[in-house]
Amino acid sequence: MSNRLLFPFLASLLIISSCAIQVAPTGGAKDVKPPVVKKSSPENFSTQFTGHDISITFDEYITLKELSTQFVVSPPLRHQPDTKVKKKTLSIHLEDTLLKNTTYTMNFGNAITDIREGNAVEGFQYVFSTGDVIDSLKIPGKVENAFDKKTEKGIYIMLYHGTDDSLPLKTLPDYFAKTAEDGSFEVKNVAPGSYKIFALKDNNSNYLFDNSDEPIAFRSEPVEAGKSAGSLSLFKEIRSQQMLKASSDEPGKITVAYAMPLDHSKIVFLSDTAAIQLYATVYSEKRDTITFWYKNIQSDSLNFILERDLVRDTVNIRLKRVEPRFRSRYDGALLTQYKSKTENDLNLQKPLQLFFNHPIDSFDLSKISVKEDSILVKNVKSFFTDSLNRNLTIDFPRKEKTMYTVDIPAKTFRDILELRNDTLELLFHTKSVSDYGTMEIKLQLSSSGNNFIVQLIDDKENVYRQSIVQSDTTINYNYLEPKIYRLKLIEDENNNTIWDPGNYLHHKQPEQVFYYQESLTVRANWDVDVSWGVESSQ
């Protein structure tokens, strides 16, 4: 190639190379290793600790994340240690005067991470002793919610020397830990001896059971260091009796709610009940709520005294009022749980139930008619099942895979507020028997004498069927909707047909709850057979 041709060629190469995209060199594989401790002062697991300052140096730059929830010191200190990070070093300053001959454990959880990738030093602990030895015994266990066996992270586990019942109410624990996600715990570096053990959902983070809204669990007997505490059942105590609510929810209705059942109570009215035209005073099934129904919605107030044991509550309620001149514009309505011309499922096994929002004062049940497709159904039986005439049963022969129309003419019902129903055309459709499943439960109980409550539930604790049994038995549930169910059993120690929580100062554990180990899938036209043996531990 001649020099005359070579020069343009080289110039072109230079231009092309100068325009090429510049790519930075890659940095290699992503860092996935957590920081490593290089040195500590004093050394981890030191004895004869007398100072107030600790420094821990890692092999890379670090930061602290969620320290307030991750960092736990056992035994707990009155003042939270002051923690600071400078580059690779964590500094800890202690304000407290430390106890003599005591092993302290600082649990950092996953709070220490590297500054670039967030790799955590999982479960890091710094341990020291103010005495000659490091205590090394452990107490493991698990905490479950007493009602549904669910677990929760961050429940406080507290150990105490001594046997005084007031310890968790007034005294900081001698040892302390928190539960993991699965409810498990391990209290480490415990000195030999026996301890009272508690679990506490400490809402105000003061290590004390000083709030009735804080769920608690306790072991009835002390636990020996080095042994398992077993399973602790967490429950919220029933609050001491107090009025929770007293209000006029709507014209014609007053609700007064209490924290506990009103087993021995008396109402002394201070208002003229004839003036408000008091219709009924009704206690709820658990007797913790009183509902007053009245007719005069122009009244201003209701005043009464509720006497319970040695306590007298004076209640003054401002009533929701409809002025006479606005009565024609009052938008109240007499309603049921079903909307007109909206199709609903109708169970083949159970009659139709209508629930009115107000007590019914007058009615004509003969006006109600039922059509099967378009043919009038004979032998329709309609009747109220409660003294307030709010729960109406409409019973008639039902066939599979059939459409039924329930016609209720306008003004068939008039409630205590003189409201009348609009015309109702209620549509219902039955399924085929083959659309349902069945379940047979062969139940074997290790103890008898108490009631046992058997419940067929879903994963949200909604109850679909319930049976009360006293001994080994076979239970059959028919016409079950296809879905996934669970089986639950409650050992009803006081035979009141409900689950009861415990009470710490009364040394009462919550009533035991058992679950069948597997979920049960009910399919259409399918039979599910269950054999369940239940071993009570109490």
Protein backbone atom coordinates (compact mmCIF):
# COMPACT_ATOMS: atom_id res chain seq x y z
CA MET A 1 0.00 0.00 0.00
CA SER A 2 1.40 3.43 -0.93
CA ASN A 3 1.96 6.14 1.66
CA ARG A 4 -0.62 8.21 -0.14
CA LEU A 5 -3.34 5.54 0.64
CA LEU A 6 -2.02 4.54 4.10
CA PHE A 7 -2.49 7.93 5.76
CA PRO A 8 -6.28 8.24 5.12
CA PHE A 9 -6.74 4.64 6.30
CA LEU A 10 -4.98 5.26 9.63
CA ALA A 11 -6.88 8.49 10.17
CA SER A 12 -10.19 6.63 9.73
CA LEU A 13 -9.17 4.06 12.34
CA LEU A 14 -8.37 6.80 14.83
CA ILE A 15 -11.75 8.45 14.30
CA ILE A 16 -13.63 5.15 14.74
CA SER A 17 -11.75 4.23 17.91
CA SER A 18 -12.31 7.68 19.44
CA CYS A 19 -16.09 7.37 18.89
CA ALA A 20 -16.40 3.90 20.47
CA ILE A 21 -18.57 3.61 23.63
CA GLN A 22 -16.54 3.51 26.83
CA VAL A 23 -17.65 0.61 29.15
CA ALA A 24 -16.67 0.63 32.80
CA PRO A 25 -15.11 -2.58 34.08
CA THR A 26 -17.50 -4.84 36.03
CA GLY A 27 -17.18 -5.01 39.81
CA GLY A 28 -17.42 -8.77 40.12
CA ALA A 29 -19.98 -10.82 42.08
CA LYS A 30 -22.42 -9.12 44.44
CA ASP A 31 -21.37 -9.01 48.10
CA VAL A 32 -23.62 -11.41 50.04
CA LYS A 33 -21.44 -11.93 53.11
CA PRO A 34 -22.42 -10.24 56.39
CA PRO A 35 -19.88 -8.22 58.40
CA VAL A 36 -17.48 -10.22 60.59
CA VAL A 37 -16.30 -9.14 64.06
CA LYS A 38 -12.56 -8.40 64.03
CA LYS A 39 -12.19 -7.36 67.67
CA SER A 40 -14.18 -6.38 70.77
CA SER A 41 -13.21 -4.39 73.83
CA PRO A 42 -13.78 -5.96 76.29
CA GLU A 43 -13.75 -9.33 74.51
CA ASN A 44 -17.08 -11.07 73.97
CA PHE A 45 -17.87 -13.45 76.87
CA SER A 46 -15.63 -11.50 79.24
CA THR A 47 -15.91 -11.92 83.00
CA GLN A 48 -15.31 -9.40 85.80
CA PHE A 49 -16.83 -6.63 83.65
CA THR A 50 -16.64 -3.32 85.53
CA GLY A 51 -16.82 -0.58 82.90
CA HIS A 52 -19.58 1.27 81.09
CA ASP A 53 -18.26 1.27 77.51
CA ILE A 54 -18.04 -1.45 74.88
CA SER A 55 -16.68 -1.25 71.34
CA ILE A 56 -17.08 -3.88 68.61
CA THR A 57 -15.18 -3.50 65.33
CA PHE A 58 -16.19 -5.30 62.13
CA ASP A 59 -14.32 -5.97 58.88
CA GLU A 60 -16.42 -3.49 56.86
CA TYR A 61 -18.53 -0.38 57.26
CA ILE A 62 -21.76 -1.07 59.17
CA THR A 63 -25.08 0.56 60.01
CA LEU A 64 -27.95 -0.20 62.41
CA LYS A 65 -31.49 -0.94 61.21
CA GLU A 66 -34.67 -1.20 63.32
CA LEU A 67 -32.57 -1.14 66.50
CA SER A 68 -35.56 -0.20 68.70
CA THR A 69 -37.31 -3.49 67.90
CA GLN A 70 -34.25 -5.73 67.42
CA PHE A 71 -31.99 -4.77 70.35
CA VAL A 72 -32.76 -6.59 73.61
CA VAL A 73 -30.68 -6.70 76.81
CA SER A 74 -31.19 -9.48 79.35
CA PRO A 75 -31.56 -8.85 82.26
CA PRO A 76 -33.25 -5.61 81.12
CA LEU A 77 -31.66 -2.28 82.00
CA ARG A 78 -33.53 0.72 83.33
CA HIS A 79 -31.91 2.96 80.72
CA GLN A 80 -31.55 1.94 77.10
CA PRO A 81 -27.82 1.75 76.20
CA ASP A 82 -26.54 4.54 73.98
CA THR A 83 -25.37 3.00 70.66
CA LYS A 84 -23.35 4.77 67.98
CA VAL A 85 -21.70 3.66 64.74
CA LYS A 86 -18.55 5.21 63.30
CA LYS A 87 -17.35 3.55 60.11
CA LYS A 88 -16.63 -0.08 61.11
CA THR A 89 -17.05 0.28 64.88
CA LEU A 90 -20.14 -0.04 67.08
CA SER A 91 -19.85 1.79 70.40
CA ILE A 92 -22.14 1.02 73.36
CA HIS A 93 -22.37 3.14 76.50
CA LEU A 94 -24.17 1.83 79.61
CA GLU A 95 -25.84 4.31 81.97
CA ASP A 96 -26.97 1.71 84.53
CA THR A 97 -25.08 0.45 87.54
CA LEU A 98 -24.84 -3.25 86.74
CA LEU A 99 -25.83 -6.02 89.13
CA LYS A 100 -23.08 -8.02 90.81
CA ASN A 101 -22.27 -11.59 89.69
CA THR A 102 -24.68 -11.34 86.79
CA THR A 103 -24.40 -12.46 83.16
CA TYR A 104 -25.71 -9.90 80.67
CA THR A 105 -26.68 -10.76 77.11
CA MET A 106 -27.08 -8.10 74.43
CA ASN A 107 -29.20 -9.47 71.61
CA PHE A 108 -28.95 -7.43 68.40
CA GLY A 109 -31.19 -9.67 66.30
CA ASN A 110 -30.58 -8.66 62.67
CA ALA A 111 -29.99 -4.96 63.41
CA ILE A 112 -26.30 -4.88 62.37
CA THR A 113 -25.86 -4.79 58.58
CA ASP A 114 -23.18 -3.78 56.11
CA ILE A 115 -23.67 -0.30 54.74
CA ARG A 116 -23.67 -1.17 51.01
CA GLU A 117 -25.76 -4.33 50.50
CA GLY A 118 -27.64 -4.56 53.79
CA ASN A 119 -26.30 -8.03 54.67
CA ALA A 120 -27.27 -8.65 58.31
CA VAL A 121 -25.22 -10.25 61.07
CA GLU A 122 -28.01 -12.63 62.04
CA GLY A 123 -28.70 -13.17 65.73
CA PHE A 124 -25.57 -11.36 66.90
CA GLN A 125 -25.03 -11.41 70.68
CA TYR A 126 -22.53 -9.75 72.98
CA VAL A 127 -22.24 -11.44 76.39
CA PHE A 128 -20.36 -10.44 79.52
CA SER A 129 -20.47 -11.17 83.24
CA THR A 130 -19.88 -8.93 86.24
CA GLY A 131 -18.82 -12.04 88.15
CA ASP A 132 -16.31 -14.85 87.68
CA VAL A 133 -18.37 -17.06 85.35
CA ILE A 134 -20.63 -16.79 82.29
CA ASP A 135 -23.97 -18.48 82.98
CA SER A 136 -24.68 -20.90 80.15
CA LEU A 137 -28.04 -22.56 80.83
CA LYS A 138 -31.00 -22.06 78.48
CA ILE A 139 -34.79 -22.21 78.73
CA PRO A 140 -36.47 -22.84 75.36
CA GLY A 141 -40.20 -22.93 74.62
CA LYS A 142 -42.99 -21.66 72.41
CA VAL A 143 -45.83 -19.13 72.71
CA GLU A 144 -49.19 -19.63 70.98
CA ASN A 145 -52.37 -17.60 71.05
CA ALA A 146 -54.72 -19.49 73.39
CA PHE A 147 -57.81 -19.01 71.18
CA ASP A 148 -56.50 -19.86 67.71
CA LYS A 149 -52.97 -21.29 68.24
CA LYS A 150 -51.43 -18.58 66.03
CA THR A 151 -47.88 -17.42 66.73
CA GLU A 152 -46.36 -13.97 66.74
CA LYS A 153 -42.90 -12.46 66.59
CA GLY A 154 -41.68 -10.10 69.33
CA ILE A 155 -43.65 -11.40 72.34
CA TYR A 156 -41.62 -10.73 75.49
CA ILE A 157 -40.45 -13.75 77.51
CA MET A 158 -39.71 -12.86 81.13
CA LEU A 159 -38.08 -14.94 83.89
CA TYR A 160 -38.20 -14.13 87.60
CA HIS A 161 -36.57 -15.47 90.73
CA GLY A 162 -39.05 -15.81 93.58
CA THR A 163 -42.71 -16.83 93.82
CA ASP A 164 -44.56 -13.57 94.57
CA ASP A 165 -47.66 -13.20 92.35
CA SER A 166 -47.00 -9.46 92.00
CA LEU A 167 -43.63 -9.95 90.25
CA PRO A 168 -44.73 -9.28 86.64
CA LEU A 169 -46.92 -6.38 87.78
CA LYS A 170 -44.27 -4.46 89.74
CA THR A 171 -40.78 -5.86 89.07
CA LEU A 172 -38.48 -5.96 86.05
CA PRO A 173 -37.62 -9.52 85.01
CA ASP A 174 -34.32 -11.22 85.84
CA TYR A 175 -34.00 -12.57 82.29
CA PHE A 176 -35.61 -11.57 79.06
CA ALA A 177 -35.99 -12.67 75.41
CA LYS A 178 -38.39 -12.30 72.47
CA THR A 179 -40.24 -14.84 70.35
CA ALA A 180 -39.33 -15.58 66.74
CA GLU A 181 -41.88 -15.60 63.88
CA ASP A 182 -42.94 -19.17 64.70
CA GLY A 183 -43.49 -18.32 68.38
CA SER A 184 -40.37 -20.13 69.56
CA PHE A 185 -37.99 -18.60 72.07
CA GLU A 186 -34.76 -19.38 73.88
CA VAL A 187 -33.74 -17.50 77.01
CA LYS A 188 -29.95 -17.84 77.08
CA ASN A 189 -27.17 -17.44 79.65
CA VAL A 190 -29.46 -18.26 82.57
CA ALA A 191 -28.06 -19.03 86.03
CA PRO A 192 -29.02 -22.33 87.72
CA GLY A 193 -32.30 -22.29 89.63
CA SER A 194 -36.06 -22.29 89.10
CA TYR A 195 -37.99 -19.37 87.66
CA LYS A 196 -41.50 -18.07 87.21
CA ILE A 197 -41.96 -17.61 83.47
CA PHE A 198 -44.32 -15.27 81.61
CA ALA A 199 -44.99 -14.23 78.04
CA LEU A 200 -46.27 -10.70 77.51
CA LYS A 201 -47.31 -8.63 74.52
CA ASP A 202 -45.90 -5.51 76.12
CA ASN A 203 -47.75 -2.68 74.36
CA ASN A 204 -46.00 0.08 76.32
CA SER A 205 -42.54 -1.62 76.37
CA ASN A 206 -41.96 -1.23 80.09
CA TYR A 207 -41.49 -4.95 80.90
CA LEU A 208 -44.51 -4.88 83.27
CA PHE A 209 -47.97 -6.44 83.11
CA ASP A 210 -49.69 -3.17 84.00
CA ASN A 211 -52.36 -2.94 81.32
CA SER A 212 -55.40 -5.20 81.02
CA ASP A 213 -55.21 -4.84 77.23
CA GLU A 214 -51.81 -6.59 77.19
CA PRO A 215 -52.11 -10.33 76.40
CA ILE A 216 -50.23 -12.53 78.88
CA ALA A 217 -49.24 -16.18 79.25
CA PHE A 218 -47.84 -17.92 82.30
CA ARG A 219 -46.74 -21.32 83.43
CA SER A 220 -48.53 -22.50 86.56
CA GLU A 221 -45.38 -24.15 87.94
CA PRO A 222 -41.81 -22.79 87.99
CA VAL A 223 -39.44 -23.92 85.24
CA GLU A 224 -35.92 -25.18 85.97
CA ALA A 225 -33.02 -23.56 84.11
CA GLY A 226 -31.76 -25.96 81.46
CA LYS A 227 -35.23 -27.44 80.84
CA SER A 228 -37.95 -26.55 78.34
CA ALA A 229 -40.81 -24.30 79.35
CA GLY A 230 -43.07 -26.12 76.88
CA SER A 231 -45.93 -24.24 75.24
CA LEU A 232 -47.35 -21.06 76.78
CA SER A 233 -50.90 -19.97 75.92
CA LEU A 234 -51.26 -16.22 75.36
CA PHE A 235 -54.60 -14.61 76.24
CA LYS A 236 -56.11 -11.23 77.05
CA GLU A 237 -57.87 -11.11 80.40
CA ILE A 238 -61.49 -10.04 80.59
CA ARG A 239 -61.39 -6.43 81.65
CA SER A 240 -62.77 -5.33 84.99
CA GLN A 241 -66.41 -4.34 84.74
CA GLN A 242 -66.94 -0.93 83.22
CA MET A 243 -69.30 0.78 80.85
CA LEU A 244 -67.81 0.87 77.34
CA LYS A 245 -70.53 2.68 75.41
CA ALA A 246 -73.85 4.42 75.98
CA SER A 247 -75.36 6.02 72.91
CA SER A 248 -78.43 6.55 70.78
CA ASP A 249 -77.51 4.78 67.54
CA GLU A 250 -80.63 5.88 65.67
CA PRO A 251 -84.08 7.25 66.50
CA GLY A 252 -85.90 4.62 68.54
CA LYS A 253 -82.82 2.71 69.69
CA ILE A 254 -80.32 3.04 72.57
CA THR A 255 -77.32 0.78 73.19
CA VAL A 256 -75.42 0.43 76.48
CA ALA A 257 -72.39 -1.90 76.38
CA TYR A 258 -70.33 -3.23 79.30
CA ALA A 259 -66.96 -4.99 79.44
CA MET A 260 -68.38 -8.03 81.25
CA PRO A 261 -71.78 -9.73 81.66
CA LEU A 262 -74.33 -7.96 83.86
CA ASP A 263 -75.36 -11.03 85.85
CA HIS A 264 -76.83 -9.14 88.81
CA SER A 265 -78.14 -5.78 87.72
CA LYS A 266 -81.13 -3.53 88.19
CA ILE A 267 -82.27 -0.53 86.12
CA VAL A 268 -83.92 2.41 87.86
CA PHE A 269 -85.35 4.89 85.34
CA LEU A 270 -85.11 8.60 86.19
CA SER A 271 -86.87 9.67 82.99
CA ASP A 272 -90.59 9.25 82.41
CA THR A 273 -90.58 6.04 80.35
CA ALA A 274 -94.20 6.65 79.40
CA ALA A 275 -93.14 9.90 77.74
CA ILE A 276 -90.54 8.20 75.57
CA GLN A 277 -92.93 5.25 75.11
CA LEU A 278 -90.34 2.64 76.09
CA TYR A 279 -91.13 -0.48 74.08
CA ALA A 280 -88.60 -3.05 75.33
CA THR A 281 -85.39 -3.48 77.31
CA VAL A 282 -83.35 -6.37 75.94
CA TYR A 283 -80.13 -7.98 77.19
CA SER A 284 -77.76 -9.56 74.67
CA GLU A 285 -77.06 -13.29 74.79
CA LYS A 286 -73.86 -12.71 76.81
CA ARG A 287 -75.67 -10.10 78.98
CA ASP A 288 -72.94 -7.53 78.33
CA THR A 289 -75.11 -5.21 76.19
CA ILE A 290 -78.52 -3.66 76.87
CA THR A 291 -80.70 -2.37 74.03
CA PHE A 292 -83.61 -0.04 74.71
CA TRP A 293 -86.29 0.30 72.02
CA TYR A 294 -88.68 3.25 72.27
CA LYS A 295 -91.45 4.70 70.10
CA ASN A 296 -91.41 8.47 70.70
CA ILE A 297 -88.61 9.66 68.40
CA GLN A 298 -89.29 13.28 69.34
CA SER A 299 -88.01 12.66 72.88
CA ASP A 300 -84.83 14.39 74.02
CA SER A 301 -83.12 12.08 76.51
CA LEU A 302 -83.21 8.98 78.67
CA ASN A 303 -81.76 8.98 82.19
CA PHE A 304 -81.42 5.94 84.42
CA ILE A 305 -79.31 4.33 87.14
CA LEU A 306 -77.86 0.87 86.56
CA GLU A 307 -77.14 -0.90 89.84
CA ARG A 308 -74.57 -3.72 89.61
CA ASP A 309 -73.33 -5.33 92.81
CA LEU A 310 -72.29 -2.36 94.98
CA VAL A 311 -71.79 0.04 92.07
CA ARG A 312 -74.29 2.51 90.65
CA ASP A 313 -73.81 3.92 87.15
CA THR A 314 -75.84 7.04 86.33
CA VAL A 315 -76.46 7.14 82.59
CA ASN A 316 -77.65 10.20 80.68
CA ILE A 317 -78.21 9.65 76.97
CA ARG A 318 -79.08 12.33 74.46
CA LEU A 319 -81.50 10.71 72.02
CA LYS A 320 -81.35 11.02 68.27
CA ARG A 321 -84.43 13.02 67.53
CA VAL A 322 -86.76 13.63 64.62
CA GLU A 323 -88.67 16.89 65.00
CA PRO A 324 -92.42 16.59 64.28
CA ARG A 325 -92.27 19.09 61.40
CA PHE A 326 -89.57 16.96 59.72
CA ARG A 327 -91.25 13.60 60.45
CA SER A 328 -92.50 13.25 56.86
CA ARG A 329 -88.91 13.65 55.63
CA TYR A 330 -87.44 11.12 58.06
CA ASP A 331 -85.44 8.70 55.89
CA GLY A 332 -85.62 5.71 58.22
CA ALA A 333 -86.77 2.48 56.64
CA LEU A 334 -88.02 -0.94 57.66
CA LEU A 335 -85.57 -3.39 56.09
CA THR A 336 -84.50 -7.03 56.03
CA GLN A 337 -81.07 -8.42 55.20
CA TYR A 338 -82.20 -9.19 51.63
CA LYS A 339 -82.69 -6.69 48.81
CA SER A 340 -85.72 -6.92 46.52
CA LYS A 341 -85.18 -8.59 43.11
CA THR A 342 -81.67 -9.80 44.04
CA GLU A 343 -81.07 -13.55 43.78
CA ASN A 344 -79.81 -15.39 46.87
CA ASP A 345 -78.97 -18.99 47.76
CA LEU A 346 -81.53 -20.93 49.80
CA ASN A 347 -80.40 -23.88 51.89
CA LEU A 348 -82.35 -27.09 51.22
CA GLN A 349 -82.08 -28.08 54.86
CA LYS A 350 -83.08 -24.83 56.59
CA PRO A 351 -86.18 -22.62 56.24
CA LEU A 352 -85.83 -19.00 55.15
CA GLN A 353 -84.97 -16.55 57.93
CA LEU A 354 -85.72 -12.83 57.63
CA PHE A 355 -84.21 -10.40 60.14
CA PHE A 356 -85.82 -6.94 60.47
CA ASN A 357 -83.81 -3.93 61.60
CA HIS A 358 -86.58 -2.78 64.01
CA PRO A 359 -89.12 -4.61 66.20
CA ILE A 360 -92.41 -5.19 64.40
CA ASP A 361 -95.48 -3.71 66.06
CA SER A 362 -98.17 -5.00 63.72
CA PHE A 363 -98.25 -7.40 60.76
CA ASP A 364 -100.39 -9.59 58.52
CA LEU A 365 -98.50 -12.81 57.72
CA SER A 366 -101.34 -14.06 55.50
CA LYS A 367 -100.20 -11.59 52.82
CA ILE A 368 -96.91 -13.44 52.31
CA SER A 369 -96.87 -15.76 49.30
CA VAL A 370 -94.24 -18.05 47.76
CA LYS A 371 -93.97 -19.15 44.13
CA GLU A 372 -92.02 -22.13 42.86
CA ASP A 373 -90.93 -20.87 39.47
CA SER A 374 -94.33 -19.32 38.62
CA ILE A 375 -96.59 -21.71 40.55
CA LEU A 376 -98.01 -20.71 43.94
CA VAL A 377 -96.66 -22.87 46.79
CA LYS A 378 -99.11 -24.30 49.32
CA ASN A 379 -98.42 -25.03 52.98
CA VAL A 380 -96.33 -21.92 53.62
CA LYS A 381 -95.77 -21.36 57.33
CA SER A 382 -94.67 -17.94 58.58
CA PHE A 383 -93.98 -17.12 62.23
CA PHE A 384 -91.79 -14.94 64.44
CA THR A 385 -89.27 -16.71 66.66
CA ASP A 386 -88.52 -13.92 69.16
CA SER A 387 -90.47 -11.72 71.54
CA LEU A 388 -89.58 -8.49 69.68
CA ASN A 389 -90.86 -9.81 66.34
CA ARG A 390 -87.60 -9.14 64.52
CA ASN A 391 -86.77 -12.69 63.39
CA LEU A 392 -89.28 -14.13 60.91
CA THR A 393 -89.19 -17.73 59.70
CA ILE A 394 -90.84 -18.60 56.36
CA ASP A 395 -90.98 -22.37 55.91
CA PHE A 396 -92.20 -24.17 52.80
CA PRO A 397 -91.39 -27.37 50.84
CA ARG A 398 -88.17 -26.94 48.84
CA LYS A 399 -86.91 -28.83 45.81
CA GLU A 400 -83.47 -29.11 44.28
CA LYS A 401 -82.30 -26.69 41.59
CA THR A 402 -85.44 -24.56 41.77
CA MET A 403 -86.15 -20.82 41.77
CA TYR A 404 -88.46 -19.47 44.51
CA THR A 405 -89.99 -16.00 44.77
CA VAL A 406 -91.19 -14.68 48.12
CA ASP A 407 -93.69 -11.85 47.65
CA ILE A 408 -94.34 -9.47 50.54
CA PRO A 409 -96.76 -6.66 49.64
CA ALA A 410 -96.16 -3.11 50.83
CA LYS A 411 -97.36 -2.31 54.36
CA THR A 412 -97.45 -5.98 55.43
CA PHE A 413 -95.32 -4.98 58.43
CA ARG A 414 -95.29 -1.87 60.58
CA ASP A 415 -92.49 -1.32 63.08
CA ILE A 416 -92.53 0.49 66.44
CA LEU A 417 -91.59 3.76 64.68
CA GLU A 418 -94.64 3.40 62.42
CA LEU A 419 -92.41 2.68 59.42
CA ARG A 420 -93.83 0.23 56.87
CA ASN A 421 -92.09 -2.04 54.42
CA ASP A 422 -91.98 -1.38 50.70
CA THR A 423 -93.03 -4.11 48.26
CA LEU A 424 -90.50 -6.94 48.50
CA GLU A 425 -89.86 -9.49 45.77
CA LEU A 426 -87.21 -11.78 47.26
CA LEU A 427 -85.57 -14.26 44.89
CA PHE A 428 -83.98 -17.53 46.06
CA HIS A 429 -82.41 -20.44 44.26
CA THR A 430 -81.78 -23.91 45.66
CA LYS A 431 -78.90 -26.12 44.61
CA SER A 432 -78.86 -29.83 43.92
CA VAL A 433 -78.20 -32.23 46.80
CA SER A 434 -75.17 -33.34 44.79
CA ASP A 435 -73.82 -29.77 44.99
CA TYR A 436 -73.18 -30.28 48.72
CA GLY A 437 -70.81 -32.49 50.66
CA THR A 438 -71.08 -34.33 53.97
CA MET A 439 -68.72 -34.93 56.88
CA GLU A 440 -68.70 -37.66 59.53
CA ILE A 441 -66.53 -37.01 62.59
CA LYS A 442 -65.68 -39.88 64.94
CA LEU A 443 -64.52 -38.09 68.07
CA GLN A 444 -62.57 -39.77 70.88
CA LEU A 445 -61.94 -37.75 74.06
CA SER A 446 -59.35 -38.58 76.71
CA SER A 447 -61.46 -37.03 79.47
CA SER A 448 -65.14 -36.49 80.18
CA GLY A 449 -67.30 -34.56 82.62
CA ASN A 450 -67.04 -31.19 80.92
CA ASN A 451 -68.77 -29.97 77.81
CA PHE A 452 -66.66 -29.97 74.66
CA ILE A 453 -67.51 -27.50 71.90
CA VAL A 454 -66.89 -28.91 68.42
CA GLN A 455 -66.74 -26.28 65.66
CA LEU A 456 -66.44 -26.56 61.89
CA ILE A 457 -64.65 -23.34 60.89
CA ASP A 458 -62.66 -21.73 58.09
CA ASP A 459 -59.19 -20.19 58.33
CA LYS A 460 -60.73 -16.91 59.59
CA GLU A 461 -62.47 -18.67 62.52
CA ASN A 462 -65.95 -18.24 61.01
CA VAL A 463 -68.14 -20.98 62.51
CA TYR A 464 -70.30 -22.97 60.06
CA ARG A 465 -71.47 -25.80 62.35
CA GLN A 466 -71.22 -26.33 66.10
CA SER A 467 -71.99 -29.24 68.40
CA ILE A 468 -71.82 -29.65 72.20
CA VAL A 469 -70.64 -33.09 73.33
CA GLN A 470 -69.66 -34.68 76.65
CA SER A 471 -67.98 -37.94 75.60
CA ASP A 472 -66.89 -40.02 72.62
CA THR A 473 -69.39 -39.61 69.82
CA THR A 474 -70.00 -39.48 66.06
CA ILE A 475 -71.11 -36.18 64.53
CA ASN A 476 -72.63 -35.87 61.06
CA TYR A 477 -72.72 -32.59 59.15
CA ASN A 478 -74.80 -32.59 55.96
CA TYR A 479 -75.42 -30.01 53.21
CA LEU A 480 -71.95 -28.51 53.52
CA GLU A 481 -70.88 -25.94 50.95
CA PRO A 482 -67.80 -27.12 49.02
CA LYS A 483 -64.78 -25.38 50.55
CA ILE A 484 -61.82 -25.93 52.85
CA TYR A 485 -62.74 -26.31 56.53
CA ARG A 486 -60.94 -26.82 59.83
CA LEU A 487 -62.06 -28.68 62.93
CA LYS A 488 -61.71 -27.01 66.32
CA LEU A 489 -62.52 -28.30 69.80
CA ILE A 490 -62.82 -26.23 73.00
CA GLU A 491 -62.68 -27.88 76.42
CA ASP A 492 -65.50 -25.95 78.09
CA GLU A 493 -64.47 -26.26 81.75
CA ASN A 494 -67.27 -24.11 83.17
CA ASN A 495 -69.92 -25.48 80.76
CA ASN A 496 -71.04 -22.06 79.55
CA THR A 497 -70.79 -23.04 75.83
CA ILE A 498 -68.19 -20.34 75.00
CA TRP A 499 -64.39 -20.14 75.15
CA ASP A 500 -63.10 -18.35 78.26
CA PRO A 501 -59.68 -16.69 78.67
CA GLY A 502 -57.58 -17.07 81.81
CA ASN A 503 -56.78 -14.78 84.73
CA TYR A 504 -53.26 -14.51 86.07
CA LEU A 505 -53.92 -13.39 89.67
CA HIS A 506 -56.63 -16.05 90.00
CA HIS A 507 -54.16 -18.68 88.72
CA LYS A 508 -56.62 -19.61 85.99
CA GLN A 509 -55.33 -20.81 82.62
CA PRO A 510 -57.43 -20.19 79.48
CA GLU A 511 -59.67 -23.02 78.35
CA GLN A 512 -57.82 -25.45 76.13
CA VAL A 513 -58.27 -25.34 72.38
CA PHE A 514 -57.45 -28.15 69.96
CA TYR A 515 -57.31 -28.24 66.17
CA TYR A 516 -57.48 -31.23 63.90
CA GLN A 517 -54.02 -31.36 62.35
CA GLU A 518 -55.13 -31.17 58.71
CA SER A 519 -57.45 -28.93 56.73
CA LEU A 520 -60.53 -30.72 55.39
CA THR A 521 -61.59 -30.20 51.79
CA VAL A 522 -65.30 -30.75 51.18
CA ARG A 523 -66.22 -31.31 47.53
CA ALA A 524 -69.61 -31.49 45.87
CA ASN A 525 -71.26 -34.91 46.19
CA TRP A 526 -68.40 -36.09 48.37
CA ASP A 527 -68.24 -37.69 51.84
CA VAL A 528 -65.42 -36.77 54.24
CA ASP A 529 -64.68 -39.18 57.10
CA VAL A 530 -62.62 -37.97 60.06
CA SER A 531 -61.33 -39.91 63.08
CA TRP A 532 -60.05 -37.54 65.75
CA GLY A 533 -58.56 -38.49 69.10
CA VAL A 534 -58.04 -35.54 71.46
CA GLU A 535 -55.62 -35.73 74.40
CA SER A 536 -56.25 -33.11 77.06
CA SER A 537 -53.09 -31.99 78.89
CA GLN A 538 -54.84 -30.54 81.93
